[in-house]
Amino acid sequence: MELGHREQSILALERRGFSGPGAKERAIREELGLSPVRYYQLLNALLDDERALALDPVTVNRLRRVRESRRSER
């Protein structure tokens, strides 16, 4: 079973670079129709999904490292 369009769009958005404060949050709202809070909830769950890892291992592994780094700082 493949990831849905929304999940693929979340990964695609994470691959992009954003300039300036608020640019990513604006893209989340405009392109995905999600609040930033809901977006990050979905992204966090997606990082634990093996289908996401198979689809985009570079992005998923990078985000997993960032997540682990933030968790260890707490």
PDB file of N, CA and C in Angstrom:
ATOM      1  N   MET A   1       0.839  -1.184   0.000  1.00  0.00           N
ATOM      2  CA  MET A   1       0.000   0.000   0.000  1.00  0.00           C
ATOM      3  C   MET A   1       0.885   1.248   0.000  1.00  0.00           C
ATOM      4  N   GLU A   2       0.580   2.189  -0.876  1.00  0.00           N
ATOM      5  CA  GLU A   2       1.365   3.405  -1.011  1.00  0.00           C
ATOM      6  C   GLU A   2       0.826   4.509  -0.124  1.00  0.00           C
ATOM      7  N   LEU A   3       1.656   5.524   0.069  1.00  0.00           N
ATOM      8  CA  LEU A   3       1.224   6.701   0.809  1.00  0.00           C
ATOM      9  C   LEU A   3       0.205   7.468  -0.018  1.00  0.00           C
ATOM     10  N   GLY A   4      -0.705   8.138   0.686  1.00  0.00           N
ATOM     11  CA  GLY A   4      -1.705   8.945   0.011  1.00  0.00           C
ATOM     12  C   GLY A   4      -1.118  10.247  -0.517  1.00  0.00           C
ATOM     13  N   HIS A   5      -1.918  10.959  -1.268  1.00  0.00           N
ATOM     14  CA  HIS A   5      -1.480  12.225  -1.859  1.00  0.00           C
ATOM     15  C   HIS A   5      -1.057  13.225  -0.781  1.00  0.00           C
ATOM     16  N   ARG A   6      -1.834  13.335   0.295  1.00  0.00           N
ATOM     17  CA  ARG A   6      -1.506  14.292   1.352  1.00  0.00           C
ATOM     18  C   ARG A   6      -0.155  13.972   1.980  1.00  0.00           C
ATOM     19  N   GLU A   7       0.100  12.695   2.260  1.00  0.00           N
ATOM     20  CA  GLU A   7       1.368  12.301   2.866  1.00  0.00           C
ATOM     21  C   GLU A   7       2.533  12.572   1.923  1.00  0.00           C
ATOM     22  N   GLN A   8       2.350  12.295   0.648  1.00  0.00           N
ATOM     23  CA  GLN A   8       3.396  12.573  -0.337  1.00  0.00           C
ATOM     24  C   GLN A   8       3.646  14.080  -0.450  1.00  0.00           C
ATOM     25  N   SER A   9       2.583  14.865  -0.346  1.00  0.00           N
ATOM     26  CA  SER A   9       2.715  16.320  -0.410  1.00  0.00           C
ATOM     27  C   SER A   9       3.469  16.862   0.804  1.00  0.00           C
ATOM     28  N   ILE A  10       3.256  16.259   1.951  1.00  0.00           N
ATOM     29  CA  ILE A  10       3.971  16.669   3.162  1.00  0.00           C
ATOM     30  C   ILE A  10       5.464  16.420   2.980  1.00  0.00           C
ATOM     31  N   LEU A  11       5.827  15.263   2.486  1.00  0.00           N
ATOM     32  CA  LEU A  11       7.236  14.964   2.249  1.00  0.00           C
ATOM     33  C   LEU A  11       7.834  15.902   1.204  1.00  0.00           C
ATOM     34  N   ALA A  12       7.079  16.200   0.165  1.00  0.00           N
ATOM     35  CA  ALA A  12       7.558  17.113  -0.873  1.00  0.00           C
ATOM     36  C   ALA A  12       7.803  18.503  -0.296  1.00  0.00           C
ATOM     37  N   LEU A  13       6.918  18.955   0.565  1.00  0.00           N
ATOM     38  CA  LEU A  13       7.090  20.262   1.185  1.00  0.00           C
ATOM     39  C   LEU A  13       8.329  20.282   2.078  1.00  0.00           C
ATOM     40  N   GLU A  14       8.603  19.181   2.754  1.00  0.00           N
ATOM     41  CA  GLU A  14       9.784  19.091   3.618  1.00  0.00           C
ATOM     42  C   GLU A  14      11.086  19.085   2.830  1.00  0.00           C
ATOM     43  N   ARG A  15      11.045  18.701   1.577  1.00  0.00           N
ATOM     44  CA  ARG A  15      12.248  18.702   0.735  1.00  0.00           C
ATOM     45  C   ARG A  15      12.625  20.106   0.287  1.00  0.00           C
ATOM     46  N   ARG A  16      11.662  21.021   0.324  1.00  0.00           N
ATOM     47  CA  ARG A  16      11.897  22.381  -0.161  1.00  0.00           C
ATOM     48  C   ARG A  16      12.597  23.235   0.886  1.00  0.00           C
ATOM     49  N   GLY A  17      13.268  24.248   0.413  1.00  0.00           N
ATOM     50  CA  GLY A  17      13.855  25.241   1.307  1.00  0.00           C
ATOM     51  C   GLY A  17      12.946  26.460   1.357  1.00  0.00           C
ATOM     52  N   PHE A  18      12.909  27.106   2.482  1.00  0.00           N
ATOM     53  CA  PHE A  18      12.053  28.278   2.641  1.00  0.00           C
ATOM     54  C   PHE A  18      12.882  29.456   3.109  1.00  0.00           C
ATOM     55  N   SER A  19      12.626  30.601   2.508  1.00  0.00           N
ATOM     56  CA  SER A  19      13.350  31.803   2.907  1.00  0.00           C
ATOM     57  C   SER A  19      12.420  32.709   3.701  1.00  0.00           C
ATOM     58  N   GLY A  20      12.924  33.200   4.777  1.00  0.00           N
ATOM     59  CA  GLY A  20      12.161  34.154   5.569  1.00  0.00           C
ATOM     60  C   GLY A  20      11.234  33.505   6.569  1.00  0.00           C
ATOM     61  N   PRO A  21      10.980  34.223   7.637  1.00  0.00           N
ATOM     62  CA  PRO A  21      10.089  33.709   8.684  1.00  0.00           C
ATOM     63  C   PRO A  21       8.646  33.611   8.181  1.00  0.00           C
ATOM     64  N   GLY A  22       8.022  32.530   8.508  1.00  0.00           N
ATOM     65  CA  GLY A  22       6.615  32.339   8.163  1.00  0.00           C
ATOM     66  C   GLY A  22       6.356  31.780   6.776  1.00  0.00           C
ATOM     67  N   ALA A  23       7.389  31.650   5.955  1.00  0.00           N
ATOM     68  CA  ALA A  23       7.177  31.172   4.584  1.00  0.00           C
ATOM     69  C   ALA A  23       6.680  29.726   4.571  1.00  0.00           C
ATOM     70  N   LYS A  24       7.263  28.896   5.422  1.00  0.00           N
ATOM     71  CA  LYS A  24       6.850  27.487   5.457  1.00  0.00           C
ATOM     72  C   LYS A  24       5.425  27.360   5.978  1.00  0.00           C
ATOM     73  N   GLU A  25       5.099  28.093   7.035  1.00  0.00           N
ATOM     74  CA  GLU A  25       3.750  28.032   7.598  1.00  0.00           C
ATOM     75  C   GLU A  25       2.721  28.511   6.585  1.00  0.00           C
ATOM     76  N   ARG A  26       3.067  29.541   5.813  1.00  0.00           N
ATOM     77  CA  ARG A  26       2.163  30.035   4.773  1.00  0.00           C
ATOM     78  C   ARG A  26       1.962  28.961   3.701  1.00  0.00           C
ATOM     79  N   ALA A  27       3.027  28.283   3.313  1.00  0.00           N
ATOM     80  CA  ALA A  27       2.921  27.213   2.308  1.00  0.00           C
ATOM     81  C   ALA A  27       2.065  26.066   2.838  1.00  0.00           C
ATOM     82  N   ILE A  28       2.217  25.746   4.109  1.00  0.00           N
ATOM     83  CA  ILE A  28       1.415  24.673   4.716  1.00  0.00           C
ATOM     84  C   ILE A  28      -0.065  25.002   4.604  1.00  0.00           C
ATOM     85  N   ARG A  29      -0.413  26.233   4.948  1.00  0.00           N
ATOM     86  CA  ARG A  29      -1.819  26.641   4.897  1.00  0.00           C
ATOM     87  C   ARG A  29      -2.348  26.715   3.467  1.00  0.00           C
ATOM     88  N   GLU A  30      -1.583  27.349   2.586  1.00  0.00           N
ATOM     89  CA  GLU A  30      -2.059  27.590   1.220  1.00  0.00           C
ATOM     90  C   GLU A  30      -2.045  26.341   0.354  1.00  0.00           C
ATOM     91  N   GLU A  31      -0.989  25.556   0.437  1.00  0.00           N
ATOM     92  CA  GLU A  31      -0.845  24.412  -0.461  1.00  0.00           C
ATOM     93  C   GLU A  31      -1.516  23.154   0.053  1.00  0.00           C
ATOM     94  N   LEU A  32      -1.501  22.966   1.370  1.00  0.00           N
ATOM     95  CA  LEU A  32      -2.057  21.739   1.935  1.00  0.00           C
ATOM     96  C   LEU A  32      -3.391  21.946   2.636  1.00  0.00           C
ATOM     97  N   GLY A  33      -3.719  23.200   2.926  1.00  0.00           N
ATOM     98  CA  GLY A  33      -4.982  23.487   3.607  1.00  0.00           C
ATOM     99  C   GLY A  33      -5.006  22.984   5.039  1.00  0.00           C
ATOM    100  N   LEU A  34      -3.842  22.952   5.675  1.00  0.00           N
ATOM    101  CA  LEU A  34      -3.718  22.467   7.045  1.00  0.00           C
ATOM    102  C   LEU A  34      -3.211  23.573   7.953  1.00  0.00           C
ATOM    103  N   SER A  35      -3.556  23.482   9.224  1.00  0.00           N
ATOM    104  CA  SER A  35      -2.926  24.370  10.185  1.00  0.00           C
ATOM    105  C   SER A  35      -1.516  23.828  10.428  1.00  0.00           C
ATOM    106  N   PRO A  36      -0.578  24.691  10.777  1.00  0.00           N
ATOM    107  CA  PRO A  36       0.768  24.204  11.067  1.00  0.00           C
ATOM    108  C   PRO A  36       0.802  23.146  12.169  1.00  0.00           C
ATOM    109  N   VAL A  37      -0.022  23.283  13.185  1.00  0.00           N
ATOM    110  CA  VAL A  37      -0.051  22.292  14.268  1.00  0.00           C
ATOM    111  C   VAL A  37      -0.442  20.925  13.717  1.00  0.00           C
ATOM    112  N   ARG A  38      -1.499  20.873  12.927  1.00  0.00           N
ATOM    113  CA  ARG A  38      -1.942  19.596  12.352  1.00  0.00           C
ATOM    114  C   ARG A  38      -0.886  19.037  11.396  1.00  0.00           C
ATOM    115  N   TYR A  39      -0.259  19.905  10.625  1.00  0.00           N
ATOM    116  CA  TYR A  39       0.795  19.490   9.707  1.00  0.00           C
ATOM    117  C   TYR A  39       1.912  18.777  10.455  1.00  0.00           C
ATOM    118  N   TYR A  40       2.379  19.371  11.545  1.00  0.00           N
ATOM    119  CA  TYR A  40       3.484  18.761  12.282  1.00  0.00           C
ATOM    120  C   TYR A  40       3.058  17.483  12.993  1.00  0.00           C
ATOM    121  N   GLN A  41       1.807  17.369  13.365  1.00  0.00           N
ATOM    122  CA  GLN A  41       1.312  16.110  13.919  1.00  0.00           C
ATOM    123  C   GLN A  41       1.380  15.013  12.855  1.00  0.00           C
ATOM    124  N   LEU A  42       0.898  15.332  11.666  1.00  0.00           N
ATOM    125  CA  LEU A  42       0.919  14.356  10.567  1.00  0.00           C
ATOM    126  C   LEU A  42       2.354  14.017  10.167  1.00  0.00           C
ATOM    127  N   LEU A  43       3.218  15.030  10.119  1.00  0.00           N
ATOM    128  CA  LEU A  43       4.617  14.792   9.757  1.00  0.00           C
ATOM    129  C   LEU A  43       5.285  13.869  10.762  1.00  0.00           C
ATOM    130  N   ASN A  44       5.059  14.115  12.036  1.00  0.00           N
ATOM    131  CA  ASN A  44       5.672  13.278  13.067  1.00  0.00           C
ATOM    132  C   ASN A  44       5.236  11.817  12.926  1.00  0.00           C
ATOM    133  N   ALA A  45       3.969  11.589  12.670  1.00  0.00           N
ATOM    134  CA  ALA A  45       3.483  10.218  12.462  1.00  0.00           C
ATOM    135  C   ALA A  45       4.083   9.624  11.187  1.00  0.00           C
ATOM    136  N   LEU A  46       4.249  10.450  10.174  1.00  0.00           N
ATOM    137  CA  LEU A  46       4.795   9.991   8.900  1.00  0.00           C
ATOM    138  C   LEU A  46       6.242   9.527   9.048  1.00  0.00           C
ATOM    139  N   LEU A  47       6.986  10.143   9.952  1.00  0.00           N
ATOM    140  CA  LEU A  47       8.380   9.763  10.150  1.00  0.00           C
ATOM    141  C   LEU A  47       8.522   8.349  10.700  1.00  0.00           C
ATOM    142  N   ASP A  48       7.467   7.832  11.299  1.00  0.00           N
ATOM    143  CA  ASP A  48       7.484   6.462  11.827  1.00  0.00           C
ATOM    144  C   ASP A  48       6.894   5.448  10.851  1.00  0.00           C
ATOM    145  N   ASP A  49       6.490   5.909   9.690  1.00  0.00           N
ATOM    146  CA  ASP A  49       5.850   5.060   8.683  1.00  0.00           C
ATOM    147  C   ASP A  49       6.916   4.532   7.719  1.00  0.00           C
ATOM    148  N   GLU A  50       7.045   3.229   7.646  1.00  0.00           N
ATOM    149  CA  GLU A  50       8.050   2.616   6.774  1.00  0.00           C
ATOM    150  C   GLU A  50       7.803   2.915   5.297  1.00  0.00           C
ATOM    151  N   ARG A  51       6.556   3.175   4.932  1.00  0.00           N
ATOM    152  CA  ARG A  51       6.254   3.534   3.537  1.00  0.00           C
ATOM    153  C   ARG A  51       6.891   4.870   3.183  1.00  0.00           C
ATOM    154  N   ALA A  52       6.890   5.800   4.139  1.00  0.00           N
ATOM    155  CA  ALA A  52       7.529   7.102   3.908  1.00  0.00           C
ATOM    156  C   ALA A  52       9.034   6.921   3.752  1.00  0.00           C
ATOM    157  N   LEU A  53       9.616   6.068   4.574  1.00  0.00           N
ATOM    158  CA  LEU A  53      11.046   5.797   4.489  1.00  0.00           C
ATOM    159  C   LEU A  53      11.395   5.194   3.130  1.00  0.00           C
ATOM    160  N   ALA A  54      10.569   4.303   2.647  1.00  0.00           N
ATOM    161  CA  ALA A  54      10.817   3.685   1.343  1.00  0.00           C
ATOM    162  C   ALA A  54      10.681   4.697   0.207  1.00  0.00           C
ATOM    163  N   LEU A  55       9.745   5.628   0.339  1.00  0.00           N
ATOM    164  CA  LEU A  55       9.499   6.615  -0.710  1.00  0.00           C
ATOM    165  C   LEU A  55      10.591   7.688  -0.765  1.00  0.00           C
ATOM    166  N   ASP A  56      11.013   8.169   0.406  1.00  0.00           N
ATOM    167  CA  ASP A  56      11.966   9.275   0.460  1.00  0.00           C
ATOM    168  C   ASP A  56      12.920   9.097   1.637  1.00  0.00           C
ATOM    169  N   PRO A  57      13.860   8.162   1.527  1.00  0.00           N
ATOM    170  CA  PRO A  57      14.731   7.860   2.665  1.00  0.00           C
ATOM    171  C   PRO A  57      15.613   9.025   3.107  1.00  0.00           C
ATOM    172  N   VAL A  58      16.054   9.855   2.187  1.00  0.00           N
ATOM    173  CA  VAL A  58      16.929  10.974   2.557  1.00  0.00           C
ATOM    174  C   VAL A  58      16.181  11.960   3.451  1.00  0.00           C
ATOM    175  N   THR A  59      15.010  12.357   3.032  1.00  0.00           N
ATOM    176  CA  THR A  59      14.222  13.324   3.812  1.00  0.00           C
ATOM    177  C   THR A  59      13.789  12.736   5.143  1.00  0.00           C
ATOM    178  N   VAL A  60      13.275  11.522   5.132  1.00  0.00           N
ATOM    179  CA  VAL A  60      12.784  10.900   6.363  1.00  0.00           C
ATOM    180  C   VAL A  60      13.923  10.696   7.354  1.00  0.00           C
ATOM    181  N   ASN A  61      15.055  10.214   6.905  1.00  0.00           N
ATOM    182  CA  ASN A  61      16.183  10.018   7.823  1.00  0.00           C
ATOM    183  C   ASN A  61      16.705  11.344   8.369  1.00  0.00           C
ATOM    184  N   ARG A  62      16.736  12.389   7.540  1.00  0.00           N
ATOM    185  CA  ARG A  62      17.163  13.709   8.020  1.00  0.00           C
ATOM    186  C   ARG A  62      16.220  14.210   9.112  1.00  0.00           C
ATOM    187  N   LEU A  63      14.929  14.090   8.859  1.00  0.00           N
ATOM    188  CA  LEU A  63      13.948  14.570   9.836  1.00  0.00           C
ATOM    189  C   LEU A  63      13.950  13.719  11.102  1.00  0.00           C
ATOM    190  N   ARG A  64      14.204  12.439  10.974  1.00  0.00           N
ATOM    191  CA  ARG A  64      14.317  11.582  12.156  1.00  0.00           C
ATOM    192  C   ARG A  64      15.499  12.018  13.015  1.00  0.00           C
ATOM    193  N   ARG A  65      16.634  12.351  12.380  1.00  0.00           N
ATOM    194  CA  ARG A  65      17.804  12.820  13.129  1.00  0.00           C
ATOM    195  C   ARG A  65      17.501  14.131  13.856  1.00  0.00           C
ATOM    196  N   VAL A  66      16.823  15.040  13.179  1.00  0.00           N
ATOM    197  CA  VAL A  66      16.448  16.318  13.805  1.00  0.00           C
ATOM    198  C   VAL A  66      15.536  16.059  14.998  1.00  0.00           C
ATOM    199  N   ARG A  67      14.572  15.193  14.823  1.00  0.00           N
ATOM    200  CA  ARG A  67      13.634  14.880  15.906  1.00  0.00           C
ATOM    201  C   ARG A  67      14.363  14.285  17.105  1.00  0.00           C
ATOM    202  N   GLU A  68      15.257  13.349  16.848  1.00  0.00           N
ATOM    203  CA  GLU A  68      16.011  12.727  17.949  1.00  0.00           C
ATOM    204  C   GLU A  68      16.916  13.732  18.641  1.00  0.00           C
ATOM    205  N   SER A  69      17.510  14.615  17.880  1.00  0.00           N
ATOM    206  CA  SER A  69      18.372  15.646  18.457  1.00  0.00           C
ATOM    207  C   SER A  69      17.572  16.552  19.386  1.00  0.00           C
ATOM    208  N   ARG A  70      16.384  16.936  18.958  1.00  0.00           N
ATOM    209  CA  ARG A  70      15.532  17.798  19.795  1.00  0.00           C
ATOM    210  C   ARG A  70      15.060  17.070  21.040  1.00  0.00           C
ATOM    211  N   ARG A  71      14.757  15.809  20.893  1.00  0.00           N
ATOM    212  CA  ARG A  71      14.323  15.026  22.067  1.00  0.00           C
ATOM    213  C   ARG A  71      15.446  14.894  23.087  1.00  0.00           C
ATOM    214  N   SER A  72      16.675  14.722  22.625  1.00  0.00           N
ATOM    215  CA  SER A  72      17.780  14.552  23.549  1.00  0.00           C
ATOM    216  C   SER A  72      18.163  15.864  24.238  1.00  0.00           C
ATOM    217  N   GLU A  73      17.790  16.997  23.644  1.00  0.00           N
ATOM    218  CA  GLU A  73      18.064  18.296  24.249  1.00  0.00           C
ATOM    219  C   GLU A  73      17.141  18.589  25.421  1.00  0.00           C
ATOM    220  N   ARG A  74      16.029  17.911  25.485  1.00  0.00           N
ATOM    221  CA  ARG A  74      15.041  18.183  26.546  1.00  0.00           C
ATOM    222  C   ARG A  74      15.461  17.608  27.861  1.00  0.00           C
TER     223      ARG A  74
END
